[in-house]
Amino acid sequence: MFLDVPLGHTTGGPNDPETQRSIVRTGLQAGAAMAGPGTIIDLPWRWRDDGWKADPLSWSRRRQDAGQSGKPAGDTRTARSPEPRYQSDGDRAAAEARSHDEQCLVCLGIPDPS
């Protein structure tokens, strides 16, 4: 899947859960329908403007003004870690209450099928 948005916003913009769920749902459906490797599906959502493309790494989770101030923030993304990270204690508790196979359903907001 290809979604033309700034780094770190792979499911769309912040504070827009309806669009985020729609992007994830469409991506999963499209992935399941792919016939084989090498297929690229261009998802229809676009960022509100293309200004971020001039300096893609200026968008930062730590600097709210990055990309707007004219001063690039550089790559300030959090380093990768093999340990799970949760947005809240509630998210951690919800994940830990499920088996490993079920945890993805919780993260995606998909209701338990049982």
PDB file of N, CA and C in Angstrom:
ATOM      1  N   MET A   1       0.845  -1.175   0.000  1.00  0.00           N
ATOM      2  CA  MET A   1       0.000   0.000   0.000  1.00  0.00           C
ATOM      3  C   MET A   1       0.891   1.239   0.000  1.00  0.00           C
ATOM      4  N   PHE A   2       0.458   2.277  -0.660  1.00  0.00           N
ATOM      5  CA  PHE A   2       1.173   3.551  -0.644  1.00  0.00           C
ATOM      6  C   PHE A   2       0.211   4.620  -0.159  1.00  0.00           C
ATOM      7  N   LEU A   3       0.649   5.354   0.855  1.00  0.00           N
ATOM      8  CA  LEU A   3      -0.135   6.455   1.400  1.00  0.00           C
ATOM      9  C   LEU A   3       0.782   7.667   1.432  1.00  0.00           C
ATOM     10  N   ASP A   4       0.458   8.692   0.690  1.00  0.00           N
ATOM     11  CA  ASP A   4       1.328   9.859   0.516  1.00  0.00           C
ATOM     12  C   ASP A   4       1.139  10.857   1.658  1.00  0.00           C
ATOM     13  N   VAL A   5       1.790  10.553   2.785  1.00  0.00           N
ATOM     14  CA  VAL A   5       1.693  11.394   3.987  1.00  0.00           C
ATOM     15  C   VAL A   5       3.078  11.519   4.619  1.00  0.00           C
ATOM     16  N   PRO A   6       3.277  12.481   5.528  1.00  0.00           N
ATOM     17  CA  PRO A   6       4.585  12.631   6.194  1.00  0.00           C
ATOM     18  C   PRO A   6       4.944  11.412   7.036  1.00  0.00           C
ATOM     19  N   LEU A   7       6.245  11.210   7.234  1.00  0.00           N
ATOM     20  CA  LEU A   7       6.725  10.134   8.083  1.00  0.00           C
ATOM     21  C   LEU A   7       6.053  10.210   9.447  1.00  0.00           C
ATOM     22  N   GLY A   8       5.723   9.064   9.987  1.00  0.00           N
ATOM     23  CA  GLY A   8       5.104   9.011  11.299  1.00  0.00           C
ATOM     24  C   GLY A   8       3.594   9.133  11.278  1.00  0.00           C
ATOM     25  N   HIS A   9       3.019   9.370  10.116  1.00  0.00           N
ATOM     26  CA  HIS A   9       1.565   9.519  10.000  1.00  0.00           C
ATOM     27  C   HIS A   9       1.014   8.461   9.057  1.00  0.00           C
ATOM     28  N   THR A  10       1.464   7.220   9.218  1.00  0.00           N
ATOM     29  CA  THR A  10       1.125   6.162   8.277  1.00  0.00           C
ATOM     30  C   THR A  10      -0.336   5.762   8.271  1.00  0.00           C
ATOM     31  N   THR A  11      -1.099   6.254   9.226  1.00  0.00           N
ATOM     32  CA  THR A  11      -2.543   5.999   9.186  1.00  0.00           C
ATOM     33  C   THR A  11      -3.314   7.310   9.133  1.00  0.00           C
ATOM     34  N   GLY A  12      -2.685   8.367   8.637  1.00  0.00           N
ATOM     35  CA  GLY A  12      -3.380   9.647   8.500  1.00  0.00           C
ATOM     36  C   GLY A  12      -3.033  10.637   9.592  1.00  0.00           C
ATOM     37  N   GLY A  13      -3.749  11.740   9.593  1.00  0.00           N
ATOM     38  CA  GLY A  13      -3.466  12.830  10.518  1.00  0.00           C
ATOM     39  C   GLY A  13      -3.893  12.556  11.945  1.00  0.00           C
ATOM     40  N   PRO A  14      -3.350  13.333  12.875  1.00  0.00           N
ATOM     41  CA  PRO A  14      -3.696  13.152  14.285  1.00  0.00           C
ATOM     42  C   PRO A  14      -5.136  13.558  14.590  1.00  0.00           C
ATOM     43  N   ASN A  15      -5.691  12.960  15.615  1.00  0.00           N
ATOM     44  CA  ASN A  15      -7.032  13.295  16.114  1.00  0.00           C
ATOM     45  C   ASN A  15      -8.139  13.098  15.077  1.00  0.00           C
ATOM     46  N   ASP A  16      -7.969  12.118  14.213  1.00  0.00           N
ATOM     47  CA  ASP A  16      -8.982  11.813  13.207  1.00  0.00           C
ATOM     48  C   ASP A  16      -9.197  10.298  13.164  1.00  0.00           C
ATOM     49  N   PRO A  17      -9.733   9.730  14.271  1.00  0.00           N
ATOM     50  CA  PRO A  17      -9.847   8.266  14.338  1.00  0.00           C
ATOM     51  C   PRO A  17     -10.715   7.655  13.254  1.00  0.00           C
ATOM     52  N   GLU A  18     -11.724   8.358  12.790  1.00  0.00           N
ATOM     53  CA  GLU A  18     -12.590   7.800  11.745  1.00  0.00           C
ATOM     54  C   GLU A  18     -11.797   7.561  10.461  1.00  0.00           C
ATOM     55  N   THR A  19     -11.007   8.562  10.045  1.00  0.00           N
ATOM     56  CA  THR A  19     -10.179   8.407   8.849  1.00  0.00           C
ATOM     57  C   THR A  19      -9.095   7.364   9.080  1.00  0.00           C
ATOM     58  N   GLN A  20      -8.490   7.367  10.270  1.00  0.00           N
ATOM     59  CA  GLN A  20      -7.448   6.390  10.574  1.00  0.00           C
ATOM     60  C   GLN A  20      -7.982   4.963  10.464  1.00  0.00           C
ATOM     61  N   ARG A  21      -9.151   4.710  11.021  1.00  0.00           N
ATOM     62  CA  ARG A  21      -9.747   3.369  10.920  1.00  0.00           C
ATOM     63  C   ARG A  21     -10.054   3.017   9.466  1.00  0.00           C
ATOM     64  N   SER A  22     -10.523   3.990   8.713  1.00  0.00           N
ATOM     65  CA  SER A  22     -10.854   3.763   7.314  1.00  0.00           C
ATOM     66  C   SER A  22      -9.601   3.407   6.506  1.00  0.00           C
ATOM     67  N   ILE A  23      -8.510   4.103   6.775  1.00  0.00           N
ATOM     68  CA  ILE A  23      -7.244   3.819   6.087  1.00  0.00           C
ATOM     69  C   ILE A  23      -6.766   2.410   6.418  1.00  0.00           C
ATOM     70  N   VAL A  24      -6.776   2.053   7.691  1.00  0.00           N
ATOM     71  CA  VAL A  24      -6.327   0.718   8.094  1.00  0.00           C
ATOM     72  C   VAL A  24      -7.234  -0.353   7.499  1.00  0.00           C
ATOM     73  N   ARG A  25      -8.541  -0.148   7.579  1.00  0.00           N
ATOM     74  CA  ARG A  25      -9.499  -1.124   7.047  1.00  0.00           C
ATOM     75  C   ARG A  25      -9.281  -1.319   5.536  1.00  0.00           C
ATOM     76  N   THR A  26      -9.167  -0.221   4.803  1.00  0.00           N
ATOM     77  CA  THR A  26      -8.972  -0.299   3.352  1.00  0.00           C
ATOM     78  C   THR A  26      -7.645  -0.968   3.022  1.00  0.00           C
ATOM     79  N   GLY A  27      -6.600  -0.635   3.777  1.00  0.00           N
ATOM     80  CA  GLY A  27      -5.303  -1.250   3.545  1.00  0.00           C
ATOM     81  C   GLY A  27      -5.325  -2.748   3.768  1.00  0.00           C
ATOM     82  N   LEU A  28      -5.977  -3.184   4.833  1.00  0.00           N
ATOM     83  CA  LEU A  28      -6.078  -4.623   5.108  1.00  0.00           C
ATOM     84  C   LEU A  28      -6.884  -5.336   4.030  1.00  0.00           C
ATOM     85  N   GLN A  29      -7.985  -4.738   3.602  1.00  0.00           N
ATOM     86  CA  GLN A  29      -8.801  -5.355   2.550  1.00  0.00           C
ATOM     87  C   GLN A  29      -8.030  -5.435   1.242  1.00  0.00           C
ATOM     88  N   ALA A  30      -7.317  -4.352   0.910  1.00  0.00           N
ATOM     89  CA  ALA A  30      -6.545  -4.340  -0.338  1.00  0.00           C
ATOM     90  C   ALA A  30      -5.415  -5.361  -0.278  1.00  0.00           C
ATOM     91  N   GLY A  31      -4.757  -5.461   0.868  1.00  0.00           N
ATOM     92  CA  GLY A  31      -3.670  -6.429   1.025  1.00  0.00           C
ATOM     93  C   GLY A  31      -4.160  -7.854   0.869  1.00  0.00           C
ATOM     94  N   ALA A  32      -5.308  -8.135   1.433  1.00  0.00           N
ATOM     95  CA  ALA A  32      -5.873  -9.486   1.325  1.00  0.00           C
ATOM     96  C   ALA A  32      -6.255  -9.821  -0.111  1.00  0.00           C
ATOM     97  N   ALA A  33      -6.578  -8.819  -0.905  1.00  0.00           N
ATOM     98  CA  ALA A  33      -7.004  -9.045  -2.288  1.00  0.00           C
ATOM     99  C   ALA A  33      -5.842  -9.092  -3.274  1.00  0.00           C
ATOM    100  N   MET A  34      -4.630  -8.764  -2.840  1.00  0.00           N
ATOM    101  CA  MET A  34      -3.482  -8.754  -3.750  1.00  0.00           C
ATOM    102  C   MET A  34      -3.200 -10.161  -4.270  1.00  0.00           C
ATOM    103  N   ALA A  35      -2.903 -10.239  -5.559  1.00  0.00           N
ATOM    104  CA  ALA A  35      -2.657 -11.534  -6.188  1.00  0.00           C
ATOM    105  C   ALA A  35      -1.230 -12.026  -5.967  1.00  0.00           C
ATOM    106  N   GLY A  36      -0.290 -11.130  -5.717  1.00  0.00           N
ATOM    107  CA  GLY A  36       1.090 -11.562  -5.541  1.00  0.00           C
ATOM    108  C   GLY A  36       2.017 -10.405  -5.266  1.00  0.00           C
ATOM    109  N   PRO A  37       3.303 -10.706  -5.050  1.00  0.00           N
ATOM    110  CA  PRO A  37       4.276  -9.660  -4.752  1.00  0.00           C
ATOM    111  C   PRO A  37       4.458  -8.711  -5.931  1.00  0.00           C
ATOM    112  N   GLY A  38       4.882  -7.514  -5.613  1.00  0.00           N
ATOM    113  CA  GLY A  38       5.135  -6.514  -6.633  1.00  0.00           C
ATOM    114  C   GLY A  38       3.961  -5.596  -6.908  1.00  0.00           C
ATOM    115  N   THR A  39       2.835  -5.869  -6.326  1.00  0.00           N
ATOM    116  CA  THR A  39       1.651  -5.036  -6.514  1.00  0.00           C
ATOM    117  C   THR A  39       1.732  -3.825  -5.594  1.00  0.00           C
ATOM    118  N   ILE A  40       1.438  -2.668  -6.122  1.00  0.00           N
ATOM    119  CA  ILE A  40       1.381  -1.454  -5.319  1.00  0.00           C
ATOM    120  C   ILE A  40      -0.004  -0.867  -5.467  1.00  0.00           C
ATOM    121  N   ILE A  41      -0.626  -0.625  -4.337  1.00  0.00           N
ATOM    122  CA  ILE A  41      -1.952  -0.004  -4.344  1.00  0.00           C
ATOM    123  C   ILE A  41      -1.817   1.383  -3.755  1.00  0.00           C
ATOM    124  N   ASP A  42      -2.165   2.380  -4.541  1.00  0.00           N
ATOM    125  CA  ASP A  42      -2.095   3.779  -4.127  1.00  0.00           C
ATOM    126  C   ASP A  42      -3.405   4.131  -3.424  1.00  0.00           C
ATOM    127  N   LEU A  43      -3.345   4.268  -2.105  1.00  0.00           N
ATOM    128  CA  LEU A  43      -4.552   4.608  -1.354  1.00  0.00           C
ATOM    129  C   LEU A  43      -4.941   6.058  -1.632  1.00  0.00           C
ATOM    130  N   PRO A  44      -6.219   6.388  -1.640  1.00  0.00           N
ATOM    131  CA  PRO A  44      -6.686   7.689  -2.112  1.00  0.00           C
ATOM    132  C   PRO A  44      -6.502   8.867  -1.149  1.00  0.00           C
ATOM    133  N   TRP A  45      -6.149   8.621   0.108  1.00  0.00           N
ATOM    134  CA  TRP A  45      -6.051   9.738   1.053  1.00  0.00           C
ATOM    135  C   TRP A  45      -4.791  10.549   0.803  1.00  0.00           C
ATOM    136  N   ARG A  46      -4.894  11.857   1.002  1.00  0.00           N
ATOM    137  CA  ARG A  46      -3.764  12.774   0.840  1.00  0.00           C
ATOM    138  C   ARG A  46      -3.663  13.674   2.056  1.00  0.00           C
ATOM    139  N   TRP A  47      -2.451  14.130   2.345  1.00  0.00           N
ATOM    140  CA  TRP A  47      -2.221  15.088   3.426  1.00  0.00           C
ATOM    141  C   TRP A  47      -2.843  16.417   3.030  1.00  0.00           C
ATOM    142  N   ARG A  48      -3.141  17.238   4.005  1.00  0.00           N
ATOM    143  CA  ARG A  48      -3.862  18.497   3.745  1.00  0.00           C
ATOM    144  C   ARG A  48      -3.122  19.442   2.794  1.00  0.00           C
ATOM    145  N   ASP A  49      -1.786  19.355   2.744  1.00  0.00           N
ATOM    146  CA  ASP A  49      -1.017  20.136   1.765  1.00  0.00           C
ATOM    147  C   ASP A  49       0.294  19.394   1.497  1.00  0.00           C
ATOM    148  N   ASP A  50       0.979  19.764   0.447  1.00  0.00           N
ATOM    149  CA  ASP A  50       2.213  19.070   0.072  1.00  0.00           C
ATOM    150  C   ASP A  50       3.473  19.760   0.577  1.00  0.00           C
ATOM    151  N   GLY A  51       3.352  20.769   1.453  1.00  0.00           N
ATOM    152  CA  GLY A  51       4.513  21.493   1.962  1.00  0.00           C
ATOM    153  C   GLY A  51       5.529  20.606   2.660  1.00  0.00           C
ATOM    154  N   TRP A  52       5.083  19.528   3.271  1.00  0.00           N
ATOM    155  CA  TRP A  52       5.981  18.622   3.997  1.00  0.00           C
ATOM    156  C   TRP A  52       6.982  17.940   3.069  1.00  0.00           C
ATOM    157  N   LYS A  53       6.679  17.845   1.772  1.00  0.00           N
ATOM    158  CA  LYS A  53       7.544  17.121   0.842  1.00  0.00           C
ATOM    159  C   LYS A  53       8.866  17.830   0.573  1.00  0.00           C
ATOM    160  N   ALA A  54       8.930  19.132   0.813  1.00  0.00           N
ATOM    161  CA  ALA A  54      10.163  19.881   0.575  1.00  0.00           C
ATOM    162  C   ALA A  54      11.284  19.401   1.506  1.00  0.00           C
ATOM    163  N   ASP A  55      10.945  19.030   2.727  1.00  0.00           N
ATOM    164  CA  ASP A  55      11.920  18.527   3.691  1.00  0.00           C
ATOM    165  C   ASP A  55      11.233  17.497   4.573  1.00  0.00           C
ATOM    166  N   PRO A  56      11.082  16.264   4.078  1.00  0.00           N
ATOM    167  CA  PRO A  56      10.274  15.261   4.779  1.00  0.00           C
ATOM    168  C   PRO A  56      10.678  15.001   6.222  1.00  0.00           C
ATOM    169  N   LEU A  57      11.959  15.111   6.562  1.00  0.00           N
ATOM    170  CA  LEU A  57      12.388  14.825   7.922  1.00  0.00           C
ATOM    171  C   LEU A  57      12.175  15.994   8.869  1.00  0.00           C
ATOM    172  N   SER A  58      11.650  17.111   8.379  1.00  0.00           N
ATOM    173  CA  SER A  58      11.418  18.240   9.286  1.00  0.00           C
ATOM    174  C   SER A  58      10.192  18.030  10.143  1.00  0.00           C
ATOM    175  N   TRP A  59       9.354  17.064   9.779  1.00  0.00           N
ATOM    176  CA  TRP A  59       8.167  16.774  10.582  1.00  0.00           C
ATOM    177  C   TRP A  59       8.600  15.953  11.770  1.00  0.00           C
ATOM    178  N   SER A  60       8.281  16.439  12.934  1.00  0.00           N
ATOM    179  CA  SER A  60       8.760  15.800  14.145  1.00  0.00           C
ATOM    180  C   SER A  60       7.647  15.652  15.159  1.00  0.00           C
ATOM    181  N   ARG A  61       7.683  14.570  15.907  1.00  0.00           N
ATOM    182  CA  ARG A  61       6.714  14.402  16.982  1.00  0.00           C
ATOM    183  C   ARG A  61       7.106  15.240  18.191  1.00  0.00           C
ATOM    184  N   ARG A  62       8.359  15.639  18.271  1.00  0.00           N
ATOM    185  CA  ARG A  62       8.809  16.404  19.428  1.00  0.00           C
ATOM    186  C   ARG A  62       8.686  17.906  19.214  1.00  0.00           C
ATOM    187  N   ARG A  63       8.762  18.348  17.999  1.00  0.00           N
ATOM    188  CA  ARG A  63       8.689  19.787  17.732  1.00  0.00           C
ATOM    189  C   ARG A  63       7.439  20.072  16.924  1.00  0.00           C
ATOM    190  N   GLN A  64       6.458  20.653  17.561  1.00  0.00           N
ATOM    191  CA  GLN A  64       5.190  20.935  16.896  1.00  0.00           C
ATOM    192  C   GLN A  64       5.343  21.951  15.767  1.00  0.00           C
ATOM    193  N   ASP A  65       6.373  22.823  15.860  1.00  0.00           N
ATOM    194  CA  ASP A  65       6.549  23.833  14.831  1.00  0.00           C
ATOM    195  C   ASP A  65       7.431  23.364  13.679  1.00  0.00           C
ATOM    196  N   ALA A  66       8.007  22.180  13.767  1.00  0.00           N
ATOM    197  CA  ALA A  66       8.873  21.685  12.702  1.00  0.00           C
ATOM    198  C   ALA A  66       8.088  21.595  11.405  1.00  0.00           C
ATOM    199  N   GLY A  67       8.709  22.009  10.335  1.00  0.00           N
ATOM    200  CA  GLY A  67       8.044  21.996   9.042  1.00  0.00           C
ATOM    201  C   GLY A  67       7.285  23.286   8.785  1.00  0.00           C
ATOM    202  N   GLN A  68       7.002  24.047   9.827  1.00  0.00           N
ATOM    203  CA  GLN A  68       6.304  25.323   9.680  1.00  0.00           C
ATOM    204  C   GLN A  68       7.249  26.480   9.961  1.00  0.00           C
ATOM    205  N   SER A  69       8.230  26.243  10.819  1.00  0.00           N
ATOM    206  CA  SER A  69       9.112  27.318  11.257  1.00  0.00           C
ATOM    207  C   SER A  69      10.195  27.648  10.246  1.00  0.00           C
ATOM    208  N   GLY A  70      10.368  26.769   9.258  1.00  0.00           N
ATOM    209  CA  GLY A  70      11.448  26.968   8.303  1.00  0.00           C
ATOM    210  C   GLY A  70      12.764  26.408   8.811  1.00  0.00           C
ATOM    211  N   LYS A  71      12.769  25.905  10.036  1.00  0.00           N
ATOM    212  CA  LYS A  71      13.966  25.319  10.619  1.00  0.00           C
ATOM    213  C   LYS A  71      13.740  23.819  10.756  1.00  0.00           C
ATOM    214  N   PRO A  72      14.441  23.031   9.942  1.00  0.00           N
ATOM    215  CA  PRO A  72      14.212  21.595  10.006  1.00  0.00           C
ATOM    216  C   PRO A  72      14.603  21.026  11.364  1.00  0.00           C
ATOM    217  N   ALA A  73      13.846  20.063  11.820  1.00  0.00           N
ATOM    218  CA  ALA A  73      14.121  19.417  13.095  1.00  0.00           C
ATOM    219  C   ALA A  73      15.076  18.242  12.924  1.00  0.00           C
ATOM    220  N   GLY A  74      15.291  17.813  11.682  1.00  0.00           N
ATOM    221  CA  GLY A  74      16.087  16.614  11.472  1.00  0.00           C
ATOM    222  C   GLY A  74      15.258  15.388  11.822  1.00  0.00           C
ATOM    223  N   ASP A  75      15.903  14.268  11.875  1.00  0.00           N
ATOM    224  CA  ASP A  75      15.200  13.027  12.183  1.00  0.00           C
ATOM    225  C   ASP A  75      15.175  12.840  13.695  1.00  0.00           C
ATOM    226  N   THR A  76      14.068  13.190  14.311  1.00  0.00           N
ATOM    227  CA  THR A  76      13.949  13.109  15.766  1.00  0.00           C
ATOM    228  C   THR A  76      13.032  11.971  16.191  1.00  0.00           C
ATOM    229  N   ARG A  77      12.848  11.011  15.300  1.00  0.00           N
ATOM    230  CA  ARG A  77      11.994   9.884  15.657  1.00  0.00           C
ATOM    231  C   ARG A  77      12.628   9.079  16.791  1.00  0.00           C
ATOM    232  N   THR A  78      11.791   8.429  17.594  1.00  0.00           N
ATOM    233  CA  THR A  78      12.254   7.575  18.678  1.00  0.00           C
ATOM    234  C   THR A  78      12.964   6.364  18.087  1.00  0.00           C
ATOM    235  N   ALA A  79      14.049   5.963  18.714  1.00  0.00           N
ATOM    236  CA  ALA A  79      14.801   4.797  18.241  1.00  0.00           C
ATOM    237  C   ALA A  79      13.926   3.543  18.328  1.00  0.00           C
ATOM    238  N   ARG A  80      14.158   2.619  17.428  1.00  0.00           N
ATOM    239  CA  ARG A  80      13.411   1.362  17.436  1.00  0.00           C
ATOM    240  C   ARG A  80      13.813   0.529  18.646  1.00  0.00           C
ATOM    241  N   SER A  81      12.866  -0.261  19.112  1.00  0.00           N
ATOM    242  CA  SER A  81      13.098  -1.104  20.273  1.00  0.00           C
ATOM    243  C   SER A  81      12.290  -2.386  20.107  1.00  0.00           C
ATOM    244  N   PRO A  82      12.830  -3.511  20.569  1.00  0.00           N
ATOM    245  CA  PRO A  82      12.053  -4.752  20.485  1.00  0.00           C
ATOM    246  C   PRO A  82      10.939  -4.819  21.541  1.00  0.00           C
ATOM    247  N   GLU A  83      10.951  -3.903  22.489  1.00  0.00           N
ATOM    248  CA  GLU A  83       9.948  -3.885  23.546  1.00  0.00           C
ATOM    249  C   GLU A  83       8.682  -3.178  23.070  1.00  0.00           C
ATOM    250  N   PRO A  84       7.507  -3.714  23.408  1.00  0.00           N
ATOM    251  CA  PRO A  84       6.254  -3.036  23.038  1.00  0.00           C
ATOM    252  C   PRO A  84       6.160  -1.664  23.711  1.00  0.00           C
ATOM    253  N   ARG A  85       5.560  -0.719  23.006  1.00  0.00           N
ATOM    254  CA  ARG A  85       5.320   0.611  23.560  1.00  0.00           C
ATOM    255  C   ARG A  85       3.831   0.882  23.487  1.00  0.00           C
ATOM    256  N   TYR A  86       3.314   1.489  24.531  1.00  0.00           N
ATOM    257  CA  TYR A  86       1.883   1.741  24.621  1.00  0.00           C
ATOM    258  C   TYR A  86       1.643   3.215  24.843  1.00  0.00           C
ATOM    259  N   GLN A  87       0.526   3.719  24.331  1.00  0.00           N
ATOM    260  CA  GLN A  87       0.193   5.128  24.503  1.00  0.00           C
ATOM    261  C   GLN A  87      -0.310   5.406  25.906  1.00  0.00           C
ATOM    262  N   SER A  88      -0.856   4.398  26.570  1.00  0.00           N
ATOM    263  CA  SER A  88      -1.389   4.608  27.916  1.00  0.00           C
ATOM    264  C   SER A  88      -1.331   3.297  28.689  1.00  0.00           C
ATOM    265  N   ASP A  89      -1.506   3.396  30.012  1.00  0.00           N
ATOM    266  CA  ASP A  89      -1.570   2.198  30.839  1.00  0.00           C
ATOM    267  C   ASP A  89      -2.770   1.338  30.454  1.00  0.00           C
ATOM    268  N   GLY A  90      -3.863   1.993  30.031  1.00  0.00           N
ATOM    269  CA  GLY A  90      -5.040   1.262  29.585  1.00  0.00           C
ATOM    270  C   GLY A  90      -4.754   0.420  28.351  1.00  0.00           C
ATOM    271  N   ASP A  91      -3.972   0.976  27.406  1.00  0.00           N
ATOM    272  CA  ASP A  91      -3.591   0.216  26.212  1.00  0.00           C
ATOM    273  C   ASP A  91      -2.745  -0.999  26.599  1.00  0.00           C
ATOM    274  N   ARG A  92      -1.808  -0.793  27.523  1.00  0.00           N
ATOM    275  CA  ARG A  92      -0.958  -1.896  27.978  1.00  0.00           C
ATOM    276  C   ARG A  92      -1.828  -2.995  28.611  1.00  0.00           C
ATOM    277  N   ALA A  93      -2.739  -2.603  29.498  1.00  0.00           N
ATOM    278  CA  ALA A  93      -3.600  -3.576  30.175  1.00  0.00           C
ATOM    279  C   ALA A  93      -4.462  -4.337  29.171  1.00  0.00           C
ATOM    280  N   ALA A  94      -5.001  -3.646  28.168  1.00  0.00           N
ATOM    281  CA  ALA A  94      -5.839  -4.295  27.156  1.00  0.00           C
ATOM    282  C   ALA A  94      -5.026  -5.304  26.360  1.00  0.00           C
ATOM    283  N   ALA A  95      -3.798  -4.947  25.994  1.00  0.00           N
ATOM    284  CA  ALA A  95      -2.950  -5.863  25.226  1.00  0.00           C
ATOM    285  C   ALA A  95      -2.540  -7.064  26.063  1.00  0.00           C
ATOM    286  N   GLU A  96      -2.169  -6.813  27.309  1.00  0.00           N
ATOM    287  CA  GLU A  96      -1.699  -7.900  28.166  1.00  0.00           C
ATOM    288  C   GLU A  96      -2.821  -8.855  28.560  1.00  0.00           C
ATOM    289  N   ALA A  97      -4.068  -8.409  28.467  1.00  0.00           N
ATOM    290  CA  ALA A  97      -5.210  -9.263  28.804  1.00  0.00           C
ATOM    291  C   ALA A  97      -5.548 -10.235  27.672  1.00  0.00           C
ATOM    292  N   ARG A  98      -4.893 -10.101  26.537  1.00  0.00           N
ATOM    293  CA  ARG A  98      -5.156 -10.935  25.363  1.00  0.00           C
ATOM    294  C   ARG A  98      -3.954 -11.799  25.041  1.00  0.00           C
ATOM    295  N   SER A  99      -4.194 -12.886  24.338  1.00  0.00           N
ATOM    296  CA  SER A  99      -3.076 -13.704  23.856  1.00  0.00           C
ATOM    297  C   SER A  99      -2.330 -12.897  22.792  1.00  0.00           C
ATOM    298  N   HIS A 100      -1.124 -13.342  22.497  1.00  0.00           N
ATOM    299  CA  HIS A 100      -0.318 -12.634  21.493  1.00  0.00           C
ATOM    300  C   HIS A 100      -1.058 -12.534  20.158  1.00  0.00           C
ATOM    301  N   ASP A 101      -1.727 -13.596  19.739  1.00  0.00           N
ATOM    302  CA  ASP A 101      -2.437 -13.602  18.460  1.00  0.00           C
ATOM    303  C   ASP A 101      -3.607 -12.629  18.427  1.00  0.00           C
ATOM    304  N   GLU A 102      -4.197 -12.367  19.582  1.00  0.00           N
ATOM    305  CA  GLU A 102      -5.353 -11.470  19.646  1.00  0.00           C
ATOM    306  C   GLU A 102      -4.970 -10.007  19.802  1.00  0.00           C
ATOM    307  N   GLN A 103      -3.721  -9.716  20.166  1.00  0.00           N
ATOM    308  CA  GLN A 103      -3.325  -8.345  20.470  1.00  0.00           C
ATOM    309  C   GLN A 103      -3.469  -7.406  19.282  1.00  0.00           C
ATOM    310  N   CYS A 104      -3.238  -7.874  18.078  1.00  0.00           N
ATOM    311  CA  CYS A 104      -3.379  -7.012  16.898  1.00  0.00           C
ATOM    312  C   CYS A 104      -4.812  -6.513  16.752  1.00  0.00           C
ATOM    313  N   LEU A 105      -5.769  -7.352  17.107  1.00  0.00           N
ATOM    314  CA  LEU A 105      -7.167  -6.931  17.034  1.00  0.00           C
ATOM    315  C   LEU A 105      -7.414  -5.753  17.970  1.00  0.00           C
ATOM    316  N   VAL A 106      -6.835  -5.797  19.175  1.00  0.00           N
ATOM    317  CA  VAL A 106      -6.999  -4.705  20.137  1.00  0.00           C
ATOM    318  C   VAL A 106      -6.374  -3.425  19.579  1.00  0.00           C
ATOM    319  N   CYS A 107      -5.163  -3.536  19.046  1.00  0.00           N
ATOM    320  CA  CYS A 107      -4.454  -2.357  18.519  1.00  0.00           C
ATOM    321  C   CYS A 107      -5.220  -1.698  17.380  1.00  0.00           C
ATOM    322  N   LEU A 108      -5.881  -2.498  16.571  1.00  0.00           N
ATOM    323  CA  LEU A 108      -6.593  -1.973  15.413  1.00  0.00           C
ATOM    324  C   LEU A 108      -8.027  -1.540  15.739  1.00  0.00           C
ATOM    325  N   GLY A 109      -8.459  -1.801  16.967  1.00  0.00           N
ATOM    326  CA  GLY A 109      -9.810  -1.443  17.341  1.00  0.00           C
ATOM    327  C   GLY A 109     -10.847  -2.360  16.736  1.00  0.00           C
ATOM    328  N   ILE A 110     -10.441  -3.576  16.359  1.00  0.00           N
ATOM    329  CA  ILE A 110     -11.356  -4.543  15.769  1.00  0.00           C
ATOM    330  C   ILE A 110     -12.031  -5.298  16.908  1.00  0.00           C
ATOM    331  N   PRO A 111     -13.356  -5.372  16.920  1.00  0.00           N
ATOM    332  CA  PRO A 111     -14.044  -6.090  17.995  1.00  0.00           C
ATOM    333  C   PRO A 111     -13.660  -7.556  18.040  1.00  0.00           C
ATOM    334  N   ASP A 112     -13.656  -8.102  19.228  1.00  0.00           N
ATOM    335  CA  ASP A 112     -13.368  -9.523  19.435  1.00  0.00           C
ATOM    336  C   ASP A 112     -14.431 -10.349  18.711  1.00  0.00           C
ATOM    337  N   PRO A 113     -14.037 -11.274  17.817  1.00  0.00           N
ATOM    338  CA  PRO A 113     -15.019 -12.030  17.034  1.00  0.00           C
ATOM    339  C   PRO A 113     -15.833 -13.028  17.860  1.00  0.00           C
ATOM    340  N   SER A 114     -15.403 -13.337  19.074  1.00  0.00           N
ATOM    341  CA  SER A 114     -16.130 -14.349  19.860  1.00  0.00           C
ATOM    342  C   SER A 114     -17.336 -13.765  20.571  1.00  0.00           C
TER     343      SER A 114
END
